[in-house]
Amino acid sequence: MSQLTGVSVLTDIIESPADVMQLLSALMQACPKLSSLLLEFDLDIQVPPVVSESRIQMEHLTPLLACSTLTVFSLDYLYALAFDDKDIEEMTSHLKELEVLSLNPYVKETPKPKKSLTLESLLSFAHHCPRIRELGLFLSQADVTVITSEEILAKFLSTSLHWWFHVGNSYITHPMKVAFFLREILPLGAEIDYCELCPGWEQVNLLFSSID
């Protein structure tokens, strides 16, 4: 396994965050050259109501931070992740070779969690991950405070012919602010992918395409 560079795991077992951390620790030890890791939990199985202990936090993904060769990481979990912007800063400052990152952009919980990532977490990717070309994030606080060119500290380099931003069923309240922020920071031609049941993101997409 020491030469293995890609791992894909699909399970219909309700794994705890501690189980996920244990798996990551084992993989990091067994596969030092790992570049691609996909962890998917069957979202169609019946799961118990969410409690705080059910959510994956940054500490559970800590083993990943030692994997400097990682370029692709995708995690589809049963519950929304308990992440904030500081967690993304920590992750990106260690995993600078990332090209594709998906962190559970579709959340099935009702109501949706109130604490999660904001759009300003994108700045961490712009600072630390110049090769990033695809992002999937769930955003529950997308009312940005950084909206002008002068205030934006970094931009994504357009190193790919295609750039995707998957927001799943994230919710927003100010589509115009969000569109202006994304227009400032994302490369030209970037595509925004969102759930059809999220009209706010439909407005963002239209505005994003029309802003000069």
N, C-alpha and C. Protein backbone atom coordinates (compact mmCIF):
# COMPACT_ATOMS: atom_id res chain seq x y z
N MET A 1 0.81 -1.22 0.00
CA MET A 1 0.00 0.00 0.00
C MET A 1 0.84 1.27 0.00
N SER A 2 2.12 1.14 0.26
CA SER A 2 2.96 2.33 0.37
C SER A 2 3.08 3.09 -0.94
N GLN A 3 2.80 2.40 -2.08
CA GLN A 3 2.87 3.06 -3.38
C GLN A 3 1.52 3.55 -3.87
N LEU A 4 0.48 3.30 -3.09
CA LEU A 4 -0.88 3.68 -3.50
C LEU A 4 -1.02 5.20 -3.50
N THR A 5 -1.60 5.74 -4.58
CA THR A 5 -1.78 7.19 -4.68
C THR A 5 -3.24 7.62 -4.64
N GLY A 6 -4.17 6.68 -4.83
CA GLY A 6 -5.59 7.02 -4.83
C GLY A 6 -6.41 6.04 -4.02
N VAL A 7 -7.34 6.56 -3.21
CA VAL A 7 -8.23 5.73 -2.40
C VAL A 7 -9.64 6.28 -2.49
N SER A 8 -10.62 5.40 -2.72
CA SER A 8 -12.03 5.80 -2.75
C SER A 8 -12.80 4.87 -1.82
N VAL A 9 -13.55 5.44 -0.88
CA VAL A 9 -14.29 4.66 0.11
C VAL A 9 -15.76 5.03 0.04
N LEU A 10 -16.63 4.04 -0.13
CA LEU A 10 -18.07 4.23 -0.08
C LEU A 10 -18.64 3.29 0.97
N THR A 11 -19.40 3.83 1.92
CA THR A 11 -19.94 3.00 2.99
C THR A 11 -21.38 3.37 3.28
N ASP A 12 -22.17 2.38 3.68
CA ASP A 12 -23.53 2.64 4.13
C ASP A 12 -23.64 2.43 5.64
N ILE A 13 -22.49 2.38 6.30
CA ILE A 13 -22.45 2.27 7.76
C ILE A 13 -22.33 3.66 8.35
N ILE A 14 -23.06 3.91 9.43
CA ILE A 14 -22.99 5.22 10.08
C ILE A 14 -21.70 5.30 10.89
N GLU A 15 -20.68 5.86 10.30
CA GLU A 15 -19.39 5.99 10.95
C GLU A 15 -19.36 7.28 11.78
N SER A 16 -18.80 7.20 12.96
CA SER A 16 -18.68 8.37 13.82
C SER A 16 -17.50 9.22 13.37
N PRO A 17 -17.45 10.50 13.77
CA PRO A 17 -16.28 11.32 13.46
C PRO A 17 -14.98 10.69 13.94
N ALA A 18 -15.02 10.04 15.10
CA ALA A 18 -13.82 9.37 15.61
C ALA A 18 -13.39 8.24 14.68
N ASP A 19 -14.36 7.53 14.11
CA ASP A 19 -14.05 6.46 13.15
C ASP A 19 -13.38 7.04 11.90
N VAL A 20 -13.89 8.18 11.45
CA VAL A 20 -13.31 8.84 10.27
C VAL A 20 -11.87 9.25 10.56
N MET A 21 -11.64 9.80 11.73
CA MET A 21 -10.28 10.20 12.12
C MET A 21 -9.34 9.00 12.18
N GLN A 22 -9.84 7.90 12.71
CA GLN A 22 -9.03 6.68 12.79
C GLN A 22 -8.68 6.17 11.39
N LEU A 23 -9.64 6.20 10.48
CA LEU A 23 -9.40 5.78 9.10
C LEU A 23 -8.34 6.66 8.45
N LEU A 24 -8.47 7.97 8.63
CA LEU A 24 -7.50 8.89 8.03
C LEU A 24 -6.10 8.65 8.58
N SER A 25 -6.01 8.42 9.87
CA SER A 25 -4.71 8.16 10.49
C SER A 25 -4.06 6.92 9.88
N ALA A 26 -4.87 5.87 9.71
CA ALA A 26 -4.35 4.63 9.13
C ALA A 26 -3.91 4.83 7.68
N LEU A 27 -4.70 5.58 6.92
CA LEU A 27 -4.36 5.83 5.52
C LEU A 27 -3.08 6.65 5.39
N MET A 28 -2.92 7.64 6.23
CA MET A 28 -1.74 8.48 6.15
C MET A 28 -0.47 7.68 6.45
N GLN A 29 -0.59 6.72 7.36
CA GLN A 29 0.57 5.89 7.69
C GLN A 29 0.85 4.86 6.60
N ALA A 30 -0.21 4.30 6.03
CA ALA A 30 -0.03 3.23 5.04
C ALA A 30 0.26 3.74 3.64
N CYS A 31 -0.21 4.96 3.33
CA CYS A 31 -0.11 5.50 1.96
C CYS A 31 0.56 6.87 1.97
N PRO A 32 1.85 6.93 2.18
CA PRO A 32 2.54 8.22 2.28
C PRO A 32 2.55 9.03 0.99
N LYS A 33 2.24 8.39 -0.14
CA LYS A 33 2.24 9.09 -1.43
C LYS A 33 0.83 9.40 -1.92
N LEU A 34 -0.13 9.35 -1.02
CA LEU A 34 -1.53 9.55 -1.40
C LEU A 34 -1.75 10.92 -2.02
N SER A 35 -2.42 10.94 -3.18
CA SER A 35 -2.72 12.21 -3.83
C SER A 35 -4.22 12.44 -3.99
N SER A 36 -5.01 11.35 -3.94
CA SER A 36 -6.46 11.48 -4.12
C SER A 36 -7.19 10.62 -3.09
N LEU A 37 -8.13 11.25 -2.37
CA LEU A 37 -8.89 10.53 -1.35
C LEU A 37 -10.35 10.95 -1.42
N LEU A 38 -11.23 9.98 -1.65
CA LEU A 38 -12.67 10.22 -1.73
C LEU A 38 -13.35 9.40 -0.65
N LEU A 39 -14.09 10.07 0.25
CA LEU A 39 -14.84 9.41 1.32
C LEU A 39 -16.31 9.75 1.14
N GLU A 40 -17.12 8.74 0.87
CA GLU A 40 -18.54 8.97 0.62
C GLU A 40 -19.39 8.07 1.50
N PHE A 41 -20.34 8.69 2.18
CA PHE A 41 -21.29 7.96 3.01
C PHE A 41 -22.63 7.98 2.31
N ASP A 42 -23.28 6.82 2.22
CA ASP A 42 -24.55 6.70 1.52
C ASP A 42 -25.58 7.62 2.16
N LEU A 43 -25.95 8.69 1.47
CA LEU A 43 -26.84 9.69 2.04
C LEU A 43 -28.30 9.27 2.01
N ASP A 44 -28.59 8.11 1.42
CA ASP A 44 -29.98 7.65 1.35
C ASP A 44 -30.38 6.77 2.52
N ILE A 45 -29.42 6.40 3.35
CA ILE A 45 -29.77 5.56 4.49
C ILE A 45 -30.43 6.41 5.57
N GLN A 46 -31.24 5.77 6.39
CA GLN A 46 -31.92 6.48 7.47
C GLN A 46 -30.93 6.71 8.61
N VAL A 47 -30.82 7.95 9.03
CA VAL A 47 -29.85 8.27 10.07
C VAL A 47 -30.56 8.88 11.27
N PRO A 48 -29.99 8.75 12.46
CA PRO A 48 -30.61 9.34 13.65
C PRO A 48 -30.50 10.85 13.62
N PRO A 49 -31.33 11.55 14.43
CA PRO A 49 -31.24 13.01 14.50
C PRO A 49 -29.83 13.46 14.86
N VAL A 50 -29.43 14.58 14.30
CA VAL A 50 -28.07 15.06 14.53
C VAL A 50 -27.91 15.59 15.96
N VAL A 51 -26.76 15.30 16.54
CA VAL A 51 -26.34 15.88 17.81
C VAL A 51 -24.94 16.42 17.58
N SER A 52 -24.46 17.25 18.49
CA SER A 52 -23.17 17.89 18.28
C SER A 52 -22.04 16.87 18.08
N GLU A 53 -22.15 15.72 18.76
CA GLU A 53 -21.11 14.70 18.64
C GLU A 53 -21.12 14.02 17.27
N SER A 54 -22.18 14.24 16.50
CA SER A 54 -22.29 13.61 15.18
C SER A 54 -21.53 14.36 14.11
N ARG A 55 -21.15 15.58 14.37
CA ARG A 55 -20.54 16.42 13.34
C ARG A 55 -19.02 16.24 13.29
N ILE A 56 -18.51 16.16 12.09
CA ILE A 56 -17.07 16.13 11.91
C ILE A 56 -16.52 17.54 12.10
N GLN A 57 -15.51 17.66 12.94
CA GLN A 57 -14.83 18.92 13.16
C GLN A 57 -13.43 18.85 12.56
N MET A 58 -12.75 19.99 12.56
CA MET A 58 -11.42 20.04 11.96
C MET A 58 -10.48 19.06 12.65
N GLU A 59 -10.62 18.88 13.94
CA GLU A 59 -9.73 17.98 14.66
C GLU A 59 -9.80 16.55 14.12
N HIS A 60 -10.96 16.16 13.59
CA HIS A 60 -11.10 14.81 13.07
C HIS A 60 -10.39 14.63 11.72
N LEU A 61 -10.11 15.73 11.04
CA LEU A 61 -9.40 15.66 9.76
C LEU A 61 -7.93 16.00 9.90
N THR A 62 -7.48 16.21 11.13
CA THR A 62 -6.09 16.60 11.37
C THR A 62 -5.07 15.67 10.73
N PRO A 63 -5.28 14.34 10.71
CA PRO A 63 -4.29 13.47 10.05
C PRO A 63 -4.00 13.85 8.61
N LEU A 64 -4.98 14.43 7.92
CA LEU A 64 -4.79 14.83 6.52
C LEU A 64 -3.70 15.89 6.37
N LEU A 65 -3.53 16.71 7.37
CA LEU A 65 -2.64 17.86 7.26
C LEU A 65 -1.19 17.45 7.04
N ALA A 66 -0.88 16.21 7.34
CA ALA A 66 0.49 15.72 7.14
C ALA A 66 0.72 15.21 5.73
N CYS A 67 -0.34 15.18 4.92
CA CYS A 67 -0.26 14.61 3.56
C CYS A 67 0.01 15.73 2.56
N SER A 68 1.26 16.09 2.40
CA SER A 68 1.62 17.22 1.54
C SER A 68 1.42 16.93 0.06
N THR A 69 1.23 15.65 -0.29
CA THR A 69 1.05 15.27 -1.70
C THR A 69 -0.41 15.28 -2.13
N LEU A 70 -1.33 15.55 -1.21
CA LEU A 70 -2.76 15.46 -1.51
C LEU A 70 -3.20 16.56 -2.47
N THR A 71 -3.80 16.15 -3.58
CA THR A 71 -4.32 17.11 -4.56
C THR A 71 -5.83 17.07 -4.67
N VAL A 72 -6.44 15.93 -4.31
CA VAL A 72 -7.90 15.78 -4.40
C VAL A 72 -8.43 15.20 -3.10
N PHE A 73 -9.39 15.90 -2.50
CA PHE A 73 -10.05 15.37 -1.30
C PHE A 73 -11.53 15.69 -1.37
N SER A 74 -12.35 14.64 -1.23
CA SER A 74 -13.80 14.82 -1.26
C SER A 74 -14.40 14.07 -0.08
N LEU A 75 -15.25 14.76 0.68
CA LEU A 75 -15.92 14.16 1.83
C LEU A 75 -17.41 14.44 1.75
N ASP A 76 -18.20 13.39 1.59
CA ASP A 76 -19.66 13.49 1.64
C ASP A 76 -20.12 12.77 2.88
N TYR A 77 -20.56 13.54 3.88
CA TYR A 77 -20.91 12.97 5.18
C TYR A 77 -22.41 13.10 5.41
N LEU A 78 -22.88 12.39 6.45
CA LEU A 78 -24.31 12.35 6.74
C LEU A 78 -24.83 13.67 7.30
N TYR A 79 -23.97 14.38 8.02
CA TYR A 79 -24.38 15.62 8.67
C TYR A 79 -23.48 16.76 8.20
N ALA A 80 -23.96 17.98 8.38
CA ALA A 80 -23.15 19.15 8.05
C ALA A 80 -21.88 19.14 8.89
N LEU A 81 -20.78 19.60 8.31
CA LEU A 81 -19.52 19.66 9.03
C LEU A 81 -19.51 20.86 9.96
N ALA A 82 -18.86 20.71 11.10
CA ALA A 82 -18.75 21.80 12.07
C ALA A 82 -17.44 22.54 11.80
N PHE A 83 -17.40 23.26 10.68
CA PHE A 83 -16.21 23.98 10.25
C PHE A 83 -16.48 25.48 10.27
N ASP A 84 -15.42 26.26 10.51
CA ASP A 84 -15.52 27.70 10.32
C ASP A 84 -14.35 28.15 9.44
N ASP A 85 -14.27 29.44 9.18
CA ASP A 85 -13.25 29.95 8.26
C ASP A 85 -11.83 29.70 8.77
N LYS A 86 -11.64 29.72 10.09
CA LYS A 86 -10.31 29.46 10.65
C LYS A 86 -9.86 28.03 10.36
N ASP A 87 -10.81 27.11 10.35
CA ASP A 87 -10.48 25.72 10.02
C ASP A 87 -10.00 25.60 8.58
N ILE A 88 -10.65 26.33 7.69
CA ILE A 88 -10.24 26.31 6.28
C ILE A 88 -8.86 26.93 6.13
N GLU A 89 -8.57 27.97 6.88
CA GLU A 89 -7.24 28.58 6.84
C GLU A 89 -6.19 27.56 7.28
N GLU A 90 -6.49 26.81 8.34
CA GLU A 90 -5.54 25.79 8.81
C GLU A 90 -5.34 24.71 7.74
N MET A 91 -6.43 24.26 7.15
CA MET A 91 -6.33 23.20 6.15
C MET A 91 -5.53 23.64 4.93
N THR A 92 -5.86 24.80 4.39
CA THR A 92 -5.20 25.25 3.16
C THR A 92 -3.73 25.60 3.39
N SER A 93 -3.39 26.05 4.58
CA SER A 93 -1.99 26.40 4.85
C SER A 93 -1.10 25.17 4.90
N HIS A 94 -1.70 23.99 5.09
CA HIS A 94 -0.94 22.74 5.09
C HIS A 94 -1.04 22.01 3.75
N LEU A 95 -2.20 22.04 3.13
CA LEU A 95 -2.43 21.27 1.89
C LEU A 95 -2.36 22.20 0.68
N LYS A 96 -1.19 22.67 0.38
CA LYS A 96 -1.03 23.71 -0.64
C LYS A 96 -1.07 23.18 -2.07
N GLU A 97 -1.05 21.85 -2.22
CA GLU A 97 -1.11 21.27 -3.56
C GLU A 97 -2.54 20.94 -4.00
N LEU A 98 -3.52 21.28 -3.17
CA LEU A 98 -4.91 20.94 -3.49
C LEU A 98 -5.34 21.51 -4.85
N GLU A 99 -6.00 20.66 -5.61
CA GLU A 99 -6.61 21.07 -6.87
C GLU A 99 -8.12 20.94 -6.82
N VAL A 100 -8.60 19.94 -6.09
CA VAL A 100 -10.03 19.69 -5.95
C VAL A 100 -10.34 19.42 -4.48
N LEU A 101 -11.30 20.16 -3.94
CA LEU A 101 -11.72 19.95 -2.55
C LEU A 101 -13.23 20.06 -2.47
N SER A 102 -13.86 19.03 -1.93
CA SER A 102 -15.31 19.06 -1.72
C SER A 102 -15.59 18.65 -0.28
N LEU A 103 -16.21 19.56 0.47
CA LEU A 103 -16.52 19.32 1.87
C LEU A 103 -18.03 19.38 2.09
N ASN A 104 -18.70 18.34 1.67
CA ASN A 104 -20.11 18.17 2.00
C ASN A 104 -20.98 19.38 1.63
N PRO A 105 -21.01 19.79 0.37
CA PRO A 105 -21.78 20.99 0.00
C PRO A 105 -23.29 20.81 0.08
N TYR A 106 -23.78 19.56 0.05
CA TYR A 106 -25.22 19.32 0.14
C TYR A 106 -25.57 18.83 1.54
N VAL A 107 -26.42 19.58 2.23
CA VAL A 107 -26.80 19.24 3.60
C VAL A 107 -28.27 18.86 3.63
N LYS A 108 -28.57 17.68 4.18
CA LYS A 108 -29.95 17.18 4.19
C LYS A 108 -30.72 17.61 5.43
N GLU A 109 -30.03 18.14 6.42
CA GLU A 109 -30.67 18.48 7.69
C GLU A 109 -31.72 19.57 7.52
N THR A 110 -32.76 19.48 8.32
CA THR A 110 -33.79 20.52 8.39
C THR A 110 -34.10 20.79 9.86
N PRO A 111 -33.92 22.04 10.32
CA PRO A 111 -33.39 23.18 9.56
C PRO A 111 -31.88 23.06 9.33
N LYS A 112 -31.39 23.86 8.40
CA LYS A 112 -29.96 23.85 8.13
C LYS A 112 -29.19 24.43 9.32
N PRO A 113 -27.96 23.99 9.52
CA PRO A 113 -27.16 24.54 10.62
C PRO A 113 -26.89 26.02 10.42
N LYS A 114 -26.85 26.77 11.51
CA LYS A 114 -26.65 28.21 11.42
C LYS A 114 -25.18 28.60 11.39
N LYS A 115 -24.32 27.72 11.90
CA LYS A 115 -22.90 28.03 11.93
C LYS A 115 -22.17 27.20 10.90
N SER A 116 -21.48 27.86 9.99
CA SER A 116 -20.71 27.13 8.99
C SER A 116 -19.74 28.10 8.33
N LEU A 117 -19.29 27.77 7.14
CA LEU A 117 -18.32 28.59 6.44
C LEU A 117 -18.97 29.82 5.83
N THR A 118 -18.18 30.85 5.63
CA THR A 118 -18.64 32.03 4.90
C THR A 118 -17.88 32.10 3.58
N LEU A 119 -18.33 32.97 2.70
CA LEU A 119 -17.64 33.13 1.42
C LEU A 119 -16.21 33.61 1.60
N GLU A 120 -15.94 34.28 2.69
CA GLU A 120 -14.58 34.79 2.91
C GLU A 120 -13.58 33.66 3.13
N SER A 121 -14.06 32.44 3.35
CA SER A 121 -13.14 31.31 3.45
C SER A 121 -12.42 31.08 2.12
N LEU A 122 -13.00 31.60 1.02
CA LEU A 122 -12.35 31.47 -0.29
C LEU A 122 -10.99 32.16 -0.32
N LEU A 123 -10.83 33.19 0.50
CA LEU A 123 -9.56 33.91 0.51
C LEU A 123 -8.41 33.00 0.92
N SER A 124 -8.69 32.04 1.80
CA SER A 124 -7.63 31.11 2.23
C SER A 124 -7.15 30.26 1.06
N PHE A 125 -8.07 29.84 0.20
CA PHE A 125 -7.68 29.06 -0.97
C PHE A 125 -6.86 29.92 -1.93
N ALA A 126 -7.27 31.16 -2.09
CA ALA A 126 -6.54 32.06 -2.98
C ALA A 126 -5.12 32.30 -2.47
N HIS A 127 -4.96 32.37 -1.16
CA HIS A 127 -3.64 32.62 -0.58
C HIS A 127 -2.72 31.41 -0.68
N HIS A 128 -3.27 30.23 -0.39
CA HIS A 128 -2.41 29.07 -0.16
C HIS A 128 -2.44 28.01 -1.26
N CYS A 129 -3.48 27.96 -2.06
CA CYS A 129 -3.66 26.84 -3.00
C CYS A 129 -3.77 27.35 -4.44
N PRO A 130 -2.64 27.70 -5.06
CA PRO A 130 -2.68 28.28 -6.40
C PRO A 130 -3.19 27.34 -7.49
N ARG A 131 -3.19 26.03 -7.22
CA ARG A 131 -3.63 25.07 -8.23
C ARG A 131 -5.11 24.70 -8.11
N ILE A 132 -5.79 25.25 -7.14
CA ILE A 132 -7.19 24.87 -6.92
C ILE A 132 -8.02 25.21 -8.16
N ARG A 133 -8.88 24.27 -8.56
CA ARG A 133 -9.71 24.49 -9.74
C ARG A 133 -11.15 24.04 -9.52
N GLU A 134 -11.40 23.40 -8.38
CA GLU A 134 -12.76 22.96 -8.09
C GLU A 134 -12.97 22.94 -6.58
N LEU A 135 -14.05 23.63 -6.14
CA LEU A 135 -14.37 23.72 -4.72
C LEU A 135 -15.83 23.37 -4.49
N GLY A 136 -16.09 22.61 -3.44
CA GLY A 136 -17.45 22.32 -3.02
C GLY A 136 -17.58 22.62 -1.54
N LEU A 137 -18.39 23.62 -1.19
CA LEU A 137 -18.52 24.05 0.20
C LEU A 137 -19.98 24.33 0.52
N PHE A 138 -20.38 24.04 1.77
CA PHE A 138 -21.69 24.46 2.25
C PHE A 138 -21.51 25.75 3.03
N LEU A 139 -22.26 26.77 2.63
CA LEU A 139 -22.15 28.10 3.24
C LEU A 139 -23.45 28.47 3.92
N SER A 140 -23.39 28.82 5.18
CA SER A 140 -24.62 29.21 5.87
C SER A 140 -24.59 30.66 6.34
N GLN A 141 -23.47 31.33 6.12
CA GLN A 141 -23.36 32.74 6.47
C GLN A 141 -22.66 33.44 5.32
N ALA A 142 -23.38 33.70 4.28
CA ALA A 142 -22.75 34.21 3.07
C ALA A 142 -22.91 35.71 2.89
N ASP A 143 -23.17 36.43 3.98
CA ASP A 143 -23.27 37.89 3.89
C ASP A 143 -21.88 38.47 4.05
N VAL A 144 -21.20 38.70 2.94
CA VAL A 144 -19.79 39.06 2.98
C VAL A 144 -19.59 40.50 3.40
N THR A 145 -18.47 40.75 4.06
CA THR A 145 -18.10 42.11 4.44
C THR A 145 -17.01 42.65 3.53
N VAL A 146 -16.31 41.78 2.81
CA VAL A 146 -15.28 42.20 1.87
C VAL A 146 -15.88 42.16 0.48
N ILE A 147 -16.14 43.33 -0.10
CA ILE A 147 -16.84 43.33 -1.39
C ILE A 147 -16.18 44.23 -2.44
N THR A 148 -15.07 44.89 -2.12
CA THR A 148 -14.47 45.78 -3.10
C THR A 148 -13.08 45.29 -3.48
N SER A 149 -12.63 45.70 -4.66
CA SER A 149 -11.33 45.26 -5.16
C SER A 149 -10.20 45.63 -4.21
N GLU A 150 -10.27 46.82 -3.64
CA GLU A 150 -9.20 47.29 -2.77
C GLU A 150 -9.05 46.44 -1.52
N GLU A 151 -10.13 45.85 -1.07
CA GLU A 151 -10.09 45.10 0.18
C GLU A 151 -9.75 43.63 0.00
N ILE A 152 -9.89 43.14 -1.22
CA ILE A 152 -9.62 41.72 -1.46
C ILE A 152 -8.11 41.51 -1.53
N LEU A 153 -7.62 40.58 -0.73
CA LEU A 153 -6.19 40.40 -0.55
C LEU A 153 -5.56 39.48 -1.58
N ALA A 154 -6.33 38.65 -2.21
CA ALA A 154 -5.77 37.69 -3.17
C ALA A 154 -6.85 37.25 -4.14
N LYS A 155 -6.41 36.77 -5.27
CA LYS A 155 -7.34 36.25 -6.27
C LYS A 155 -6.86 34.88 -6.72
N PHE A 156 -7.80 34.08 -7.15
CA PHE A 156 -7.43 32.79 -7.69
C PHE A 156 -6.74 32.99 -9.04
N LEU A 157 -5.67 32.27 -9.24
CA LEU A 157 -4.99 32.31 -10.52
C LEU A 157 -5.74 31.41 -11.49
N SER A 158 -5.96 31.90 -12.68
CA SER A 158 -6.68 31.11 -13.68
C SER A 158 -5.71 30.15 -14.35
N THR A 159 -5.40 29.03 -13.65
CA THR A 159 -4.45 28.05 -14.17
C THR A 159 -5.13 26.89 -14.87
N SER A 160 -6.45 26.92 -14.92
CA SER A 160 -7.19 25.82 -15.52
C SER A 160 -8.18 26.36 -16.54
N LEU A 161 -8.46 25.55 -17.56
CA LEU A 161 -9.44 25.96 -18.56
C LEU A 161 -10.84 25.99 -17.96
N HIS A 162 -11.06 25.20 -16.91
CA HIS A 162 -12.38 25.14 -16.27
C HIS A 162 -12.22 25.32 -14.76
N TRP A 163 -13.10 26.11 -14.17
CA TRP A 163 -13.06 26.35 -12.72
C TRP A 163 -14.49 26.25 -12.20
N TRP A 164 -14.69 25.40 -11.20
CA TRP A 164 -16.03 25.18 -10.67
C TRP A 164 -16.10 25.54 -9.19
N PHE A 165 -17.24 26.11 -8.82
CA PHE A 165 -17.54 26.38 -7.42
C PHE A 165 -18.90 25.77 -7.12
N HIS A 166 -18.90 24.68 -6.36
CA HIS A 166 -20.13 23.98 -6.00
C HIS A 166 -20.59 24.45 -4.63
N VAL A 167 -21.80 25.00 -4.56
CA VAL A 167 -22.31 25.50 -3.28
C VAL A 167 -23.48 24.67 -2.76
N GLY A 168 -23.83 23.60 -3.49
CA GLY A 168 -24.87 22.69 -3.02
C GLY A 168 -26.17 23.40 -2.72
N ASN A 169 -26.68 23.18 -1.52
CA ASN A 169 -27.91 23.86 -1.10
C ASN A 169 -27.63 24.88 0.00
N SER A 170 -26.47 25.54 -0.12
CA SER A 170 -26.17 26.66 0.78
C SER A 170 -27.24 27.73 0.65
N TYR A 171 -27.42 28.51 1.69
CA TYR A 171 -28.43 29.58 1.60
C TYR A 171 -27.79 30.95 1.81
N ILE A 172 -28.32 31.93 1.11
CA ILE A 172 -27.81 33.29 1.19
C ILE A 172 -28.98 34.26 1.27
N THR A 173 -28.69 35.48 1.73
CA THR A 173 -29.75 36.49 1.87
C THR A 173 -29.49 37.73 1.02
N HIS A 174 -28.27 37.91 0.53
CA HIS A 174 -27.96 39.09 -0.28
C HIS A 174 -27.24 38.67 -1.56
N PRO A 175 -27.99 38.21 -2.56
CA PRO A 175 -27.39 37.71 -3.80
C PRO A 175 -26.45 38.70 -4.48
N MET A 176 -26.78 39.98 -4.47
CA MET A 176 -25.95 40.95 -5.18
C MET A 176 -24.57 41.08 -4.52
N LYS A 177 -24.53 41.15 -3.19
CA LYS A 177 -23.25 41.21 -2.49
C LYS A 177 -22.40 39.99 -2.80
N VAL A 178 -23.04 38.85 -2.78
CA VAL A 178 -22.33 37.59 -3.04
C VAL A 178 -21.78 37.58 -4.47
N ALA A 179 -22.59 38.01 -5.43
CA ALA A 179 -22.17 38.01 -6.83
C ALA A 179 -20.97 38.94 -7.04
N PHE A 180 -21.00 40.12 -6.43
CA PHE A 180 -19.89 41.06 -6.58
C PHE A 180 -18.61 40.51 -5.96
N PHE A 181 -18.75 39.86 -4.81
CA PHE A 181 -17.58 39.27 -4.17
C PHE A 181 -16.97 38.19 -5.06
N LEU A 182 -17.81 37.30 -5.57
CA LEU A 182 -17.31 36.21 -6.40
C LEU A 182 -16.71 36.74 -7.70
N ARG A 183 -17.31 37.79 -8.25
CA ARG A 183 -16.79 38.36 -9.51
C ARG A 183 -15.40 38.95 -9.31
N GLU A 184 -15.14 39.45 -8.10
CA GLU A 184 -13.84 40.03 -7.81
C GLU A 184 -12.77 38.96 -7.63
N ILE A 185 -13.14 37.82 -7.06
CA ILE A 185 -12.11 36.87 -6.63
C ILE A 185 -11.96 35.66 -7.54
N LEU A 186 -13.03 35.19 -8.16
CA LEU A 186 -12.94 33.99 -9.00
C LEU A 186 -12.40 34.33 -10.39
N PRO A 187 -11.73 33.39 -11.03
CA PRO A 187 -11.20 33.64 -12.38
C PRO A 187 -12.32 33.76 -13.40
N LEU A 188 -12.01 34.43 -14.50
CA LEU A 188 -12.98 34.56 -15.57
C LEU A 188 -13.38 33.18 -16.09
N GLY A 189 -14.67 33.02 -16.36
CA GLY A 189 -15.15 31.74 -16.87
C GLY A 189 -15.50 30.73 -15.81
N ALA A 190 -15.33 31.09 -14.54
CA ALA A 190 -15.67 30.16 -13.46
C ALA A 190 -17.17 29.85 -13.50
N GLU A 191 -17.51 28.62 -13.17
CA GLU A 191 -18.91 28.19 -13.16
C GLU A 191 -19.37 27.93 -11.74
N ILE A 192 -20.58 28.39 -11.43
CA ILE A 192 -21.17 28.19 -10.11
C ILE A 192 -22.24 27.12 -10.22
N ASP A 193 -22.10 26.07 -9.43
CA ASP A 193 -23.05 24.96 -9.44
C ASP A 193 -23.83 24.99 -8.13
N TYR A 194 -25.16 24.89 -8.22
CA TYR A 194 -25.99 25.03 -7.03
C TYR A 194 -27.25 24.19 -7.17
N CYS A 195 -27.92 23.96 -6.04
CA CYS A 195 -29.16 23.20 -6.04
C CYS A 195 -30.26 24.03 -6.70
N GLU A 196 -31.09 23.38 -7.50
CA GLU A 196 -32.16 24.09 -8.21
C GLU A 196 -33.19 24.70 -7.26
N LEU A 197 -33.23 24.22 -6.03
CA LEU A 197 -34.19 24.73 -5.06
C LEU A 197 -33.66 25.93 -4.29
N CYS A 198 -32.56 26.52 -4.75
CA CYS A 198 -31.95 27.66 -4.08
C CYS A 198 -32.01 28.88 -5.01
N PRO A 199 -33.14 29.61 -5.01
CA PRO A 199 -33.31 30.73 -5.94
C PRO A 199 -32.28 31.84 -5.75
N GLY A 200 -31.78 32.00 -4.53
CA GLY A 200 -30.78 33.03 -4.29
C GLY A 200 -29.53 32.81 -5.12
N TRP A 201 -29.13 31.56 -5.26
CA TRP A 201 -27.95 31.26 -6.05
C TRP A 201 -28.20 31.40 -7.54
N GLU A 202 -29.44 31.21 -7.96
CA GLU A 202 -29.77 31.45 -9.36
C GLU A 202 -29.56 32.93 -9.70
N GLN A 203 -29.97 33.80 -8.77
CA GLN A 203 -29.74 35.24 -8.96
C GLN A 203 -28.24 35.55 -8.99
N VAL A 204 -27.50 34.93 -8.08
CA VAL A 204 -26.05 35.13 -8.05
C VAL A 204 -25.43 34.75 -9.39
N ASN A 205 -25.83 33.62 -9.91
CA ASN A 205 -25.26 33.13 -11.17
C ASN A 205 -25.53 34.09 -12.32
N LEU A 206 -26.75 34.61 -12.38
CA LEU A 206 -27.09 35.57 -13.43
C LEU A 206 -26.29 36.86 -13.28
N LEU A 207 -26.20 37.36 -12.05
CA LEU A 207 -25.45 38.58 -11.79
C LEU A 207 -23.97 38.37 -12.05
N PHE A 208 -23.45 37.23 -11.62
CA PHE A 208 -22.03 36.91 -11.78
C PHE A 208 -21.63 36.95 -13.25
N SER A 209 -22.51 36.45 -14.10
CA SER A 209 -22.22 36.39 -15.53
C SER A 209 -22.34 37.74 -16.22
N SER A 210 -23.08 38.66 -15.61
CA SER A 210 -23.35 39.94 -16.27
C SER A 210 -22.49 41.08 -15.76
N ILE A 211 -21.82 40.91 -14.62
CA ILE A 211 -21.00 41.98 -14.06
C ILE A 211 -19.71 42.11 -14.85
N ASP A 212 -19.37 43.34 -15.24
CA ASP A 212 -18.11 43.59 -15.96
C ASP A 212 -16.99 43.85 -14.97
